[in-house]
Amino acid sequence: MDMGANFLAATHPAAIVHDRFHVSQHLNDAVDKTRREQARRLEEAGDETLKQTRWLWLRRTVPEKHQATFAELLEMNLKTARAWCYKEQLVEFWSQPDAAAGERFFT
């Protein structure tokens, strides 16, 4: 179901399952927020590593012409790269065949 407060309030105390789209939206927002904060701090130090990389982090697939650049970014010790990896791990979670497999995925 939608993650809006109105929906949550209307279904309490029923069991709630959030849909993939809304969870993914929150994850993308978190990656983008992390990127913006880190890019600002890096730019203050004169480092433009994350400048103009927003869509690389938010797309489902990286275009071939940007894959080498993106691979380099992933190799750096960037907080943004770690956030992106967490987001991508959930992609694997969505492919679990059932709830038991999903629980095993997290443990």
PDB file of N, CA and C in Angstrom:
ATOM      1  N   MET A   1       0.833  -1.186   0.000  1.00  0.00           N
ATOM      2  CA  MET A   1       0.000   0.000   0.000  1.00  0.00           C
ATOM      3  C   MET A   1       0.867   1.235   0.000  1.00  0.00           C
ATOM      4  N   ASP A   2       0.259   2.341  -0.281  1.00  0.00           N
ATOM      5  CA  ASP A   2       0.933   3.633  -0.263  1.00  0.00           C
ATOM      6  C   ASP A   2       1.472   3.890   1.140  1.00  0.00           C
ATOM      7  N   MET A   3       2.563   4.653   1.243  1.00  0.00           N
ATOM      8  CA  MET A   3       3.183   4.900   2.542  1.00  0.00           C
ATOM      9  C   MET A   3       2.706   6.201   3.185  1.00  0.00           C
ATOM     10  N   GLY A   4       1.685   6.828   2.623  1.00  0.00           N
ATOM     11  CA  GLY A   4       1.178   8.078   3.172  1.00  0.00           C
ATOM     12  C   GLY A   4       0.574   7.899   4.553  1.00  0.00           C
ATOM     13  N   ALA A   5       0.690   8.938   5.369  1.00  0.00           N
ATOM     14  CA  ALA A   5       0.189   8.890   6.749  1.00  0.00           C
ATOM     15  C   ALA A   5      -1.307   8.589   6.799  1.00  0.00           C
ATOM     16  N   ASN A   6      -2.069   9.120   5.855  1.00  0.00           N
ATOM     17  CA  ASN A   6      -3.520   8.873   5.844  1.00  0.00           C
ATOM     18  C   ASN A   6      -3.837   7.397   5.654  1.00  0.00           C
ATOM     19  N   PHE A   7      -3.092   6.740   4.758  1.00  0.00           N
ATOM     20  CA  PHE A   7      -3.308   5.319   4.537  1.00  0.00           C
ATOM     21  C   PHE A   7      -2.936   4.516   5.784  1.00  0.00           C
ATOM     22  N   LEU A   8      -1.817   4.873   6.399  1.00  0.00           N
ATOM     23  CA  LEU A   8      -1.392   4.172   7.606  1.00  0.00           C
ATOM     24  C   LEU A   8      -2.412   4.317   8.725  1.00  0.00           C
ATOM     25  N   ALA A   9      -2.934   5.520   8.901  1.00  0.00           N
ATOM     26  CA  ALA A   9      -3.900   5.767   9.962  1.00  0.00           C
ATOM     27  C   ALA A   9      -5.200   5.004   9.726  1.00  0.00           C
ATOM     28  N   ALA A  10      -5.598   4.880   8.473  1.00  0.00           N
ATOM     29  CA  ALA A  10      -6.862   4.217   8.146  1.00  0.00           C
ATOM     30  C   ALA A  10      -6.789   2.703   8.315  1.00  0.00           C
ATOM     31  N   THR A  11      -5.621   2.128   8.274  1.00  0.00           N
ATOM     32  CA  THR A  11      -5.508   0.676   8.343  1.00  0.00           C
ATOM     33  C   THR A  11      -5.043   0.153   9.692  1.00  0.00           C
ATOM     34  N   HIS A  12      -4.712   1.012  10.594  1.00  0.00           N
ATOM     35  CA  HIS A  12      -4.212   0.576  11.902  1.00  0.00           C
ATOM     36  C   HIS A  12      -5.287  -0.211  12.621  1.00  0.00           C
ATOM     37  N   PRO A  13      -5.098  -1.301  13.211  1.00  0.00           N
ATOM     38  CA  PRO A  13      -3.885  -2.080  13.468  1.00  0.00           C
ATOM     39  C   PRO A  13      -3.671  -3.222  12.484  1.00  0.00           C
ATOM     40  N   ALA A  14      -4.220  -3.145  11.294  1.00  0.00           N
ATOM     41  CA  ALA A  14      -4.074  -4.242  10.323  1.00  0.00           C
ATOM     42  C   ALA A  14      -2.618  -4.415   9.896  1.00  0.00           C
ATOM     43  N   ALA A  15      -2.298  -5.600   9.402  1.00  0.00           N
ATOM     44  CA  ALA A  15      -0.959  -5.849   8.862  1.00  0.00           C
ATOM     45  C   ALA A  15      -0.782  -4.999   7.611  1.00  0.00           C
ATOM     46  N   ILE A  16       0.361  -4.379   7.502  1.00  0.00           N
ATOM     47  CA  ILE A  16       0.613  -3.454   6.398  1.00  0.00           C
ATOM     48  C   ILE A  16       1.797  -3.957   5.576  1.00  0.00           C
ATOM     49  N   VAL A  17       1.631  -3.932   4.275  1.00  0.00           N
ATOM     50  CA  VAL A  17       2.708  -4.265   3.355  1.00  0.00           C
ATOM     51  C   VAL A  17       2.853  -3.085   2.404  1.00  0.00           C
ATOM     52  N   HIS A  18       4.039  -2.519   2.369  1.00  0.00           N
ATOM     53  CA  HIS A  18       4.282  -1.384   1.489  1.00  0.00           C
ATOM     54  C   HIS A  18       4.721  -1.887   0.120  1.00  0.00           C
ATOM     55  N   ASP A  19       4.311  -1.173  -0.917  1.00  0.00           N
ATOM     56  CA  ASP A  19       4.632  -1.619  -2.265  1.00  0.00           C
ATOM     57  C   ASP A  19       6.046  -1.210  -2.671  1.00  0.00           C
ATOM     58  N   ARG A  20       6.551  -1.947  -3.619  1.00  0.00           N
ATOM     59  CA  ARG A  20       7.919  -1.771  -4.111  1.00  0.00           C
ATOM     60  C   ARG A  20       8.172  -0.347  -4.592  1.00  0.00           C
ATOM     61  N   PHE A  21       7.221   0.227  -5.321  1.00  0.00           N
ATOM     62  CA  PHE A  21       7.411   1.568  -5.876  1.00  0.00           C
ATOM     63  C   PHE A  21       7.688   2.586  -4.783  1.00  0.00           C
ATOM     64  N   HIS A  22       6.889   2.592  -3.730  1.00  0.00           N
ATOM     65  CA  HIS A  22       7.049   3.598  -2.681  1.00  0.00           C
ATOM     66  C   HIS A  22       8.309   3.383  -1.850  1.00  0.00           C
ATOM     67  N   VAL A  23       8.659   2.146  -1.600  1.00  0.00           N
ATOM     68  CA  VAL A  23       9.905   1.864  -0.883  1.00  0.00           C
ATOM     69  C   VAL A  23      11.089   2.323  -1.737  1.00  0.00           C
ATOM     70  N   SER A  24      11.066   2.000  -3.028  1.00  0.00           N
ATOM     71  CA  SER A  24      12.138   2.408  -3.943  1.00  0.00           C
ATOM     72  C   SER A  24      12.249   3.924  -4.025  1.00  0.00           C
ATOM     73  N   GLN A  25      11.123   4.591  -4.000  1.00  0.00           N
ATOM     74  CA  GLN A  25      11.122   6.053  -4.041  1.00  0.00           C
ATOM     75  C   GLN A  25      11.860   6.625  -2.821  1.00  0.00           C
ATOM     76  N   HIS A  26      11.612   6.068  -1.655  1.00  0.00           N
ATOM     77  CA  HIS A  26      12.296   6.528  -0.439  1.00  0.00           C
ATOM     78  C   HIS A  26      13.798   6.239  -0.518  1.00  0.00           C
ATOM     79  N   LEU A  27      14.149   5.091  -1.055  1.00  0.00           N
ATOM     80  CA  LEU A  27      15.563   4.745  -1.195  1.00  0.00           C
ATOM     81  C   LEU A  27      16.266   5.695  -2.159  1.00  0.00           C
ATOM     82  N   ASN A  28      15.633   5.988  -3.289  1.00  0.00           N
ATOM     83  CA  ASN A  28      16.209   6.946  -4.241  1.00  0.00           C
ATOM     84  C   ASN A  28      16.362   8.319  -3.606  1.00  0.00           C
ATOM     85  N   ASP A  29      15.368   8.730  -2.840  1.00  0.00           N
ATOM     86  CA  ASP A  29      15.453  10.029  -2.150  1.00  0.00           C
ATOM     87  C   ASP A  29      16.633  10.039  -1.181  1.00  0.00           C
ATOM     88  N   ALA A  30      16.840   8.934  -0.484  1.00  0.00           N
ATOM     89  CA  ALA A  30      17.949   8.857   0.470  1.00  0.00           C
ATOM     90  C   ALA A  30      19.294   8.913  -0.246  1.00  0.00           C
ATOM     91  N   VAL A  31      19.417   8.211  -1.372  1.00  0.00           N
ATOM     92  CA  VAL A  31      20.664   8.258  -2.141  1.00  0.00           C
ATOM     93  C   VAL A  31      20.909   9.680  -2.638  1.00  0.00           C
ATOM     94  N   ASP A  32      19.877  10.322  -3.149  1.00  0.00           N
ATOM     95  CA  ASP A  32      20.051  11.676  -3.675  1.00  0.00           C
ATOM     96  C   ASP A  32      20.405  12.665  -2.563  1.00  0.00           C
ATOM     97  N   LYS A  33      19.779  12.534  -1.416  1.00  0.00           N
ATOM     98  CA  LYS A  33      20.098  13.411  -0.291  1.00  0.00           C
ATOM     99  C   LYS A  33      21.549  13.207   0.142  1.00  0.00           C
ATOM    100  N   THR A  34      21.968  11.955   0.210  1.00  0.00           N
ATOM    101  CA  THR A  34      23.351  11.646   0.574  1.00  0.00           C
ATOM    102  C   THR A  34      24.312  12.254  -0.440  1.00  0.00           C
ATOM    103  N   ARG A  35      24.000  12.094  -1.731  1.00  0.00           N
ATOM    104  CA  ARG A  35      24.849  12.646  -2.790  1.00  0.00           C
ATOM    105  C   ARG A  35      24.946  14.162  -2.690  1.00  0.00           C
ATOM    106  N   ARG A  36      23.801  14.824  -2.491  1.00  0.00           N
ATOM    107  CA  ARG A  36      23.810  16.289  -2.404  1.00  0.00           C
ATOM    108  C   ARG A  36      24.655  16.776  -1.240  1.00  0.00           C
ATOM    109  N   GLU A  37      24.488  16.154  -0.078  1.00  0.00           N
ATOM    110  CA  GLU A  37      25.251  16.566   1.098  1.00  0.00           C
ATOM    111  C   GLU A  37      26.744  16.312   0.904  1.00  0.00           C
ATOM    112  N   GLN A  38      27.080  15.151   0.366  1.00  0.00           N
ATOM    113  CA  GLN A  38      28.492  14.841   0.167  1.00  0.00           C
ATOM    114  C   GLN A  38      29.093  15.722  -0.928  1.00  0.00           C
ATOM    115  N   ALA A  39      28.357  15.963  -2.001  1.00  0.00           N
ATOM    116  CA  ALA A  39      28.855  16.828  -3.077  1.00  0.00           C
ATOM    117  C   ALA A  39      29.123  18.237  -2.555  1.00  0.00           C
ATOM    118  N   ARG A  40      28.250  18.734  -1.702  1.00  0.00           N
ATOM    119  CA  ARG A  40      28.434  20.075  -1.130  1.00  0.00           C
ATOM    120  C   ARG A  40      29.713  20.122  -0.299  1.00  0.00           C
ATOM    121  N   ARG A  41      29.907  19.128   0.555  1.00  0.00           N
ATOM    122  CA  ARG A  41      31.113  19.090   1.394  1.00  0.00           C
ATOM    123  C   ARG A  41      32.381  18.951   0.549  1.00  0.00           C
ATOM    124  N   LEU A  42      32.325  18.102  -0.476  1.00  0.00           N
ATOM    125  CA  LEU A  42      33.481  17.931  -1.345  1.00  0.00           C
ATOM    126  C   LEU A  42      33.798  19.212  -2.115  1.00  0.00           C
ATOM    127  N   GLU A  43      32.758  19.864  -2.624  1.00  0.00           N
ATOM    128  CA  GLU A  43      32.973  21.105  -3.375  1.00  0.00           C
ATOM    129  C   GLU A  43      33.556  22.198  -2.493  1.00  0.00           C
ATOM    130  N   GLU A  44      33.161  22.231  -1.233  1.00  0.00           N
ATOM    131  CA  GLU A  44      33.741  23.205  -0.304  1.00  0.00           C
ATOM    132  C   GLU A  44      35.245  22.988  -0.151  1.00  0.00           C
ATOM    133  N   ALA A  45      35.676  21.735  -0.327  1.00  0.00           N
ATOM    134  CA  ALA A  45      37.100  21.401  -0.233  1.00  0.00           C
ATOM    135  C   ALA A  45      37.782  21.450  -1.609  1.00  0.00           C
ATOM    136  N   GLY A  46      37.041  21.887  -2.635  1.00  0.00           N
ATOM    137  CA  GLY A  46      37.616  22.001  -3.977  1.00  0.00           C
ATOM    138  C   GLY A  46      37.558  20.726  -4.804  1.00  0.00           C
ATOM    139  N   ASP A  47      36.808  19.749  -4.370  1.00  0.00           N
ATOM    140  CA  ASP A  47      36.700  18.461  -5.063  1.00  0.00           C
ATOM    141  C   ASP A  47      35.336  18.384  -5.761  1.00  0.00           C
ATOM    142  N   GLU A  48      35.360  18.234  -7.083  1.00  0.00           N
ATOM    143  CA  GLU A  48      34.107  18.189  -7.855  1.00  0.00           C
ATOM    144  C   GLU A  48      33.766  16.771  -8.324  1.00  0.00           C
ATOM    145  N   THR A  49      34.203  15.777  -7.574  1.00  0.00           N
ATOM    146  CA  THR A  49      33.993  14.377  -7.939  1.00  0.00           C
ATOM    147  C   THR A  49      32.533  14.051  -8.226  1.00  0.00           C
ATOM    148  N   LEU A  50      31.622  14.557  -7.414  1.00  0.00           N
ATOM    149  CA  LEU A  50      30.208  14.198  -7.559  1.00  0.00           C
ATOM    150  C   LEU A  50      29.408  15.184  -8.406  1.00  0.00           C
ATOM    151  N   LYS A  51      30.074  16.190  -8.928  1.00  0.00           N
ATOM    152  CA  LYS A  51      29.365  17.184  -9.740  1.00  0.00           C
ATOM    153  C   LYS A  51      28.805  16.520 -10.998  1.00  0.00           C
ATOM    154  N   GLN A  52      27.556  16.791 -11.284  1.00  0.00           N
ATOM    155  CA  GLN A  52      26.834  16.285 -12.454  1.00  0.00           C
ATOM    156  C   GLN A  52      26.769  14.752 -12.514  1.00  0.00           C
ATOM    157  N   THR A  53      26.608  14.130 -11.348  1.00  0.00           N
ATOM    158  CA  THR A  53      26.474  12.668 -11.320  1.00  0.00           C
ATOM    159  C   THR A  53      25.105  12.214 -10.828  1.00  0.00           C
ATOM    160  N   ARG A  54      24.198  13.132 -10.592  1.00  0.00           N
ATOM    161  CA  ARG A  54      22.901  12.793  -9.977  1.00  0.00           C
ATOM    162  C   ARG A  54      22.215  11.620 -10.668  1.00  0.00           C
ATOM    163  N   TRP A  55      22.066  11.702 -11.983  1.00  0.00           N
ATOM    164  CA  TRP A  55      21.285  10.684 -12.681  1.00  0.00           C
ATOM    165  C   TRP A  55      21.999   9.340 -12.738  1.00  0.00           C
ATOM    166  N   LEU A  56      23.320   9.345 -12.607  1.00  0.00           N
ATOM    167  CA  LEU A  56      24.025   8.059 -12.565  1.00  0.00           C
ATOM    168  C   LEU A  56      23.601   7.255 -11.344  1.00  0.00           C
ATOM    169  N   TRP A  57      23.399   7.940 -10.240  1.00  0.00           N
ATOM    170  CA  TRP A  57      23.033   7.263  -8.988  1.00  0.00           C
ATOM    171  C   TRP A  57      21.556   6.868  -8.957  1.00  0.00           C
ATOM    172  N   LEU A  58      20.717   7.570  -9.704  1.00  0.00           N
ATOM    173  CA  LEU A  58      19.276   7.350  -9.586  1.00  0.00           C
ATOM    174  C   LEU A  58      18.687   6.449 -10.666  1.00  0.00           C
ATOM    175  N   ARG A  59      19.387   6.270 -11.766  1.00  0.00           N
ATOM    176  CA  ARG A  59      18.875   5.412 -12.835  1.00  0.00           C
ATOM    177  C   ARG A  59      18.946   3.949 -12.440  1.00  0.00           C
ATOM    178  N   ARG A  60      18.080   3.171 -13.020  1.00  0.00           N
ATOM    179  CA  ARG A  60      18.097   1.720 -12.775  1.00  0.00           C
ATOM    180  C   ARG A  60      19.300   1.079 -13.464  1.00  0.00           C
ATOM    181  N   THR A  61      19.623   1.549 -14.661  1.00  0.00           N
ATOM    182  CA  THR A  61      20.806   1.068 -15.371  1.00  0.00           C
ATOM    183  C   THR A  61      21.627   2.265 -15.815  1.00  0.00           C
ATOM    184  N   VAL A  62      22.920   2.124 -15.779  1.00  0.00           N
ATOM    185  CA  VAL A  62      23.825   3.199 -16.174  1.00  0.00           C
ATOM    186  C   VAL A  62      24.096   3.066 -17.669  1.00  0.00           C
ATOM    187  N   PRO A  63      23.921   4.163 -18.433  1.00  0.00           N
ATOM    188  CA  PRO A  63      24.200   4.093 -19.875  1.00  0.00           C
ATOM    189  C   PRO A  63      25.646   3.655 -20.133  1.00  0.00           C
ATOM    190  N   GLU A  64      25.849   2.940 -21.211  1.00  0.00           N
ATOM    191  CA  GLU A  64      27.172   2.388 -21.509  1.00  0.00           C
ATOM    192  C   GLU A  64      28.258   3.455 -21.544  1.00  0.00           C
ATOM    193  N   LYS A  65      27.953   4.621 -22.080  1.00  0.00           N
ATOM    194  CA  LYS A  65      28.984   5.657 -22.191  1.00  0.00           C
ATOM    195  C   LYS A  65      29.435   6.196 -20.825  1.00  0.00           C
ATOM    196  N   HIS A  66      28.659   5.940 -19.767  1.00  0.00           N
ATOM    197  CA  HIS A  66      29.008   6.403 -18.422  1.00  0.00           C
ATOM    198  C   HIS A  66      29.459   5.276 -17.484  1.00  0.00           C
ATOM    199  N   GLN A  67      29.479   4.045 -17.971  1.00  0.00           N
ATOM    200  CA  GLN A  67      29.777   2.917 -17.093  1.00  0.00           C
ATOM    201  C   GLN A  67      31.175   2.959 -16.496  1.00  0.00           C
ATOM    202  N   ALA A  68      32.173   3.375 -17.263  1.00  0.00           N
ATOM    203  CA  ALA A  68      33.540   3.439 -16.734  1.00  0.00           C
ATOM    204  C   ALA A  68      33.631   4.497 -15.636  1.00  0.00           C
ATOM    205  N   THR A  69      33.028   5.644 -15.862  1.00  0.00           N
ATOM    206  CA  THR A  69      33.033   6.716 -14.862  1.00  0.00           C
ATOM    207  C   THR A  69      32.322   6.264 -13.601  1.00  0.00           C
ATOM    208  N   PHE A  70      31.175   5.608 -13.781  1.00  0.00           N
ATOM    209  CA  PHE A  70      30.397   5.157 -12.630  1.00  0.00           C
ATOM    210  C   PHE A  70      31.158   4.089 -11.849  1.00  0.00           C
ATOM    211  N   ALA A  71      31.838   3.198 -12.563  1.00  0.00           N
ATOM    212  CA  ALA A  71      32.635   2.165 -11.901  1.00  0.00           C
ATOM    213  C   ALA A  71      33.739   2.801 -11.050  1.00  0.00           C
ATOM    214  N   GLU A  72      34.343   3.861 -11.551  1.00  0.00           N
ATOM    215  CA  GLU A  72      35.368   4.573 -10.788  1.00  0.00           C
ATOM    216  C   GLU A  72      34.763   5.193  -9.527  1.00  0.00           C
ATOM    217  N   LEU A  73      33.580   5.775  -9.652  1.00  0.00           N
ATOM    218  CA  LEU A  73      32.912   6.367  -8.490  1.00  0.00           C
ATOM    219  C   LEU A  73      32.614   5.310  -7.433  1.00  0.00           C
ATOM    220  N   LEU A  74      32.199   4.130  -7.885  1.00  0.00           N
ATOM    221  CA  LEU A  74      31.891   3.054  -6.945  1.00  0.00           C
ATOM    222  C   LEU A  74      33.131   2.552  -6.215  1.00  0.00           C
ATOM    223  N   GLU A  75      34.275   2.672  -6.837  1.00  0.00           N
ATOM    224  CA  GLU A  75      35.523   2.223  -6.217  1.00  0.00           C
ATOM    225  C   GLU A  75      36.037   3.198  -5.160  1.00  0.00           C
ATOM    226  N   MET A  76      35.567   4.445  -5.214  1.00  0.00           N
ATOM    227  CA  MET A  76      36.009   5.441  -4.239  1.00  0.00           C
ATOM    228  C   MET A  76      35.300   5.205  -2.910  1.00  0.00           C
ATOM    229  N   ASN A  77      35.881   5.671  -1.865  1.00  0.00           N
ATOM    230  CA  ASN A  77      35.282   5.511  -0.538  1.00  0.00           C
ATOM    231  C   ASN A  77      34.267   6.635  -0.320  1.00  0.00           C
ATOM    232  N   LEU A  78      33.175   6.595  -1.084  1.00  0.00           N
ATOM    233  CA  LEU A  78      32.149   7.634  -1.013  1.00  0.00           C
ATOM    234  C   LEU A  78      30.935   7.136  -0.235  1.00  0.00           C
ATOM    235  N   LYS A  79      30.439   7.976   0.612  1.00  0.00           N
ATOM    236  CA  LYS A  79      29.210   7.658   1.339  1.00  0.00           C
ATOM    237  C   LYS A  79      28.064   7.454   0.344  1.00  0.00           C
ATOM    238  N   THR A  80      28.080   8.223  -0.725  1.00  0.00           N
ATOM    239  CA  THR A  80      27.052   8.102  -1.766  1.00  0.00           C
ATOM    240  C   THR A  80      27.089   6.714  -2.399  1.00  0.00           C
ATOM    241  N   ALA A  81      28.272   6.190  -2.646  1.00  0.00           N
ATOM    242  CA  ALA A  81      28.396   4.855  -3.238  1.00  0.00           C
ATOM    243  C   ALA A  81      27.842   3.792  -2.296  1.00  0.00           C
ATOM    244  N   ARG A  82      28.094   3.948  -1.010  1.00  0.00           N
ATOM    245  CA  ARG A  82      27.553   2.977  -0.044  1.00  0.00           C
ATOM    246  C   ARG A  82      26.029   3.055  -0.014  1.00  0.00           C
ATOM    247  N   ALA A  83      25.476   4.266  -0.036  1.00  0.00           N
ATOM    248  CA  ALA A  83      24.015   4.423  -0.044  1.00  0.00           C
ATOM    249  C   ALA A  83      23.422   3.778  -1.294  1.00  0.00           C
ATOM    250  N   TRP A  84      24.079   3.963  -2.430  1.00  0.00           N
ATOM    251  CA  TRP A  84      23.614   3.382  -3.685  1.00  0.00           C
ATOM    252  C   TRP A  84      23.639   1.852  -3.592  1.00  0.00           C
ATOM    253  N   CYS A  85      24.702   1.295  -3.000  1.00  0.00           N
ATOM    254  CA  CYS A  85      24.800  -0.161  -2.863  1.00  0.00           C
ATOM    255  C   CYS A  85      23.671  -0.720  -2.001  1.00  0.00           C
ATOM    256  N   TYR A  86      23.321  -0.013  -0.925  1.00  0.00           N
ATOM    257  CA  TYR A  86      22.203  -0.453  -0.084  1.00  0.00           C
ATOM    258  C   TYR A  86      20.905  -0.449  -0.880  1.00  0.00           C
ATOM    259  N   LYS A  87      20.721   0.594  -1.672  1.00  0.00           N
ATOM    260  CA  LYS A  87      19.512   0.684  -2.504  1.00  0.00           C
ATOM    261  C   LYS A  87      19.469  -0.485  -3.485  1.00  0.00           C
ATOM    262  N   GLU A  88      20.598  -0.789  -4.088  1.00  0.00           N
ATOM    263  CA  GLU A  88      20.652  -1.876  -5.066  1.00  0.00           C
ATOM    264  C   GLU A  88      20.447  -3.244  -4.424  1.00  0.00           C
ATOM    265  N   GLN A  89      20.836  -3.400  -3.169  1.00  0.00           N
ATOM    266  CA  GLN A  89      20.596  -4.670  -2.485  1.00  0.00           C
ATOM    267  C   GLN A  89      19.100  -4.954  -2.382  1.00  0.00           C
ATOM    268  N   LEU A  90      18.312  -3.915  -2.234  1.00  0.00           N
ATOM    269  CA  LEU A  90      16.865  -4.123  -2.148  1.00  0.00           C
ATOM    270  C   LEU A  90      16.283  -4.588  -3.467  1.00  0.00           C
ATOM    271  N   VAL A  91      16.941  -4.287  -4.582  1.00  0.00           N
ATOM    272  CA  VAL A  91      16.485  -4.799  -5.874  1.00  0.00           C
ATOM    273  C   VAL A  91      16.503  -6.331  -5.831  1.00  0.00           C
ATOM    274  N   GLU A  92      17.563  -6.880  -5.244  1.00  0.00           N
ATOM    275  CA  GLU A  92      17.654  -8.337  -5.102  1.00  0.00           C
ATOM    276  C   GLU A  92      16.563  -8.858  -4.165  1.00  0.00           C
ATOM    277  N   PHE A  93      16.273  -8.095  -3.117  1.00  0.00           N
ATOM    278  CA  PHE A  93      15.213  -8.498  -2.183  1.00  0.00           C
ATOM    279  C   PHE A  93      13.884  -8.670  -2.906  1.00  0.00           C
ATOM    280  N   TRP A  94      13.565  -7.760  -3.801  1.00  0.00           N
ATOM    281  CA  TRP A  94      12.269  -7.828  -4.496  1.00  0.00           C
ATOM    282  C   TRP A  94      12.121  -9.091  -5.330  1.00  0.00           C
ATOM    283  N   SER A  95      13.228  -9.719  -5.690  1.00  0.00           N
ATOM    284  CA  SER A  95      13.141 -10.925  -6.522  1.00  0.00           C
ATOM    285  C   SER A  95      13.005 -12.204  -5.699  1.00  0.00           C
ATOM    286  N   GLN A  96      12.923 -12.094  -4.390  1.00  0.00           N
ATOM    287  CA  GLN A  96      12.763 -13.281  -3.549  1.00  0.00           C
ATOM    288  C   GLN A  96      11.392 -13.909  -3.810  1.00  0.00           C
ATOM    289  N   PRO A  97      11.325 -15.235  -3.891  1.00  0.00           N
ATOM    290  CA  PRO A  97      10.075 -15.894  -4.287  1.00  0.00           C
ATOM    291  C   PRO A  97       8.963 -15.884  -3.231  1.00  0.00           C
ATOM    292  N   ASP A  98       9.341 -15.756  -1.956  1.00  0.00           N
ATOM    293  CA  ASP A  98       8.314 -15.781  -0.919  1.00  0.00           C
ATOM    294  C   ASP A  98       8.825 -15.077   0.339  1.00  0.00           C
ATOM    295  N   ALA A  99       7.958 -14.970   1.332  1.00  0.00           N
ATOM    296  CA  ALA A  99       8.308 -14.258   2.560  1.00  0.00           C
ATOM    297  C   ALA A  99       9.469 -14.924   3.298  1.00  0.00           C
ATOM    298  N   ALA A 100       9.510 -16.259   3.308  1.00  0.00           N
ATOM    299  CA  ALA A 100      10.598 -16.960   3.999  1.00  0.00           C
ATOM    300  C   ALA A 100      11.941 -16.644   3.345  1.00  0.00           C
ATOM    301  N   ALA A 101      11.975 -16.638   2.027  1.00  0.00           N
ATOM    302  CA  ALA A 101      13.213 -16.295   1.306  1.00  0.00           C
ATOM    303  C   ALA A 101      13.582 -14.837   1.560  1.00  0.00           C
ATOM    304  N   GLY A 102      12.596 -13.974   1.624  1.00  0.00           N
ATOM    305  CA  GLY A 102      12.850 -12.567   1.929  1.00  0.00           C
ATOM    306  C   GLY A 102      13.440 -12.396   3.311  1.00  0.00           C
ATOM    307  N   GLU A 103      12.941 -13.153   4.275  1.00  0.00           N
ATOM    308  CA  GLU A 103      13.484 -13.083   5.633  1.00  0.00           C
ATOM    309  C   GLU A 103      14.924 -13.595   5.669  1.00  0.00           C
ATOM    310  N   ARG A 104      15.187 -14.671   4.956  1.00  0.00           N
ATOM    311  CA  ARG A 104      16.553 -15.211   4.883  1.00  0.00           C
ATOM    312  C   ARG A 104      17.487 -14.188   4.223  1.00  0.00           C
ATOM    313  N   PHE A 105      16.999 -13.484   3.247  1.00  0.00           N
ATOM    314  CA  PHE A 105      17.797 -12.469   2.563  1.00  0.00           C
ATOM    315  C   PHE A 105      18.312 -11.427   3.565  1.00  0.00           C
ATOM    316  N   PHE A 106      17.463 -11.014   4.483  1.00  0.00           N
ATOM    317  CA  PHE A 106      17.858  -9.994   5.442  1.00  0.00           C
ATOM    318  C   PHE A 106      18.733 -10.542   6.565  1.00  0.00           C
ATOM    319  N   THR A 107      18.588 -11.820   6.885  1.00  0.00           N
ATOM    320  CA  THR A 107      19.423 -12.382   7.947  1.00  0.00           C
ATOM    321  C   THR A 107      20.738 -12.828   7.370  1.00  0.00           C
TER     322      THR A 107
END
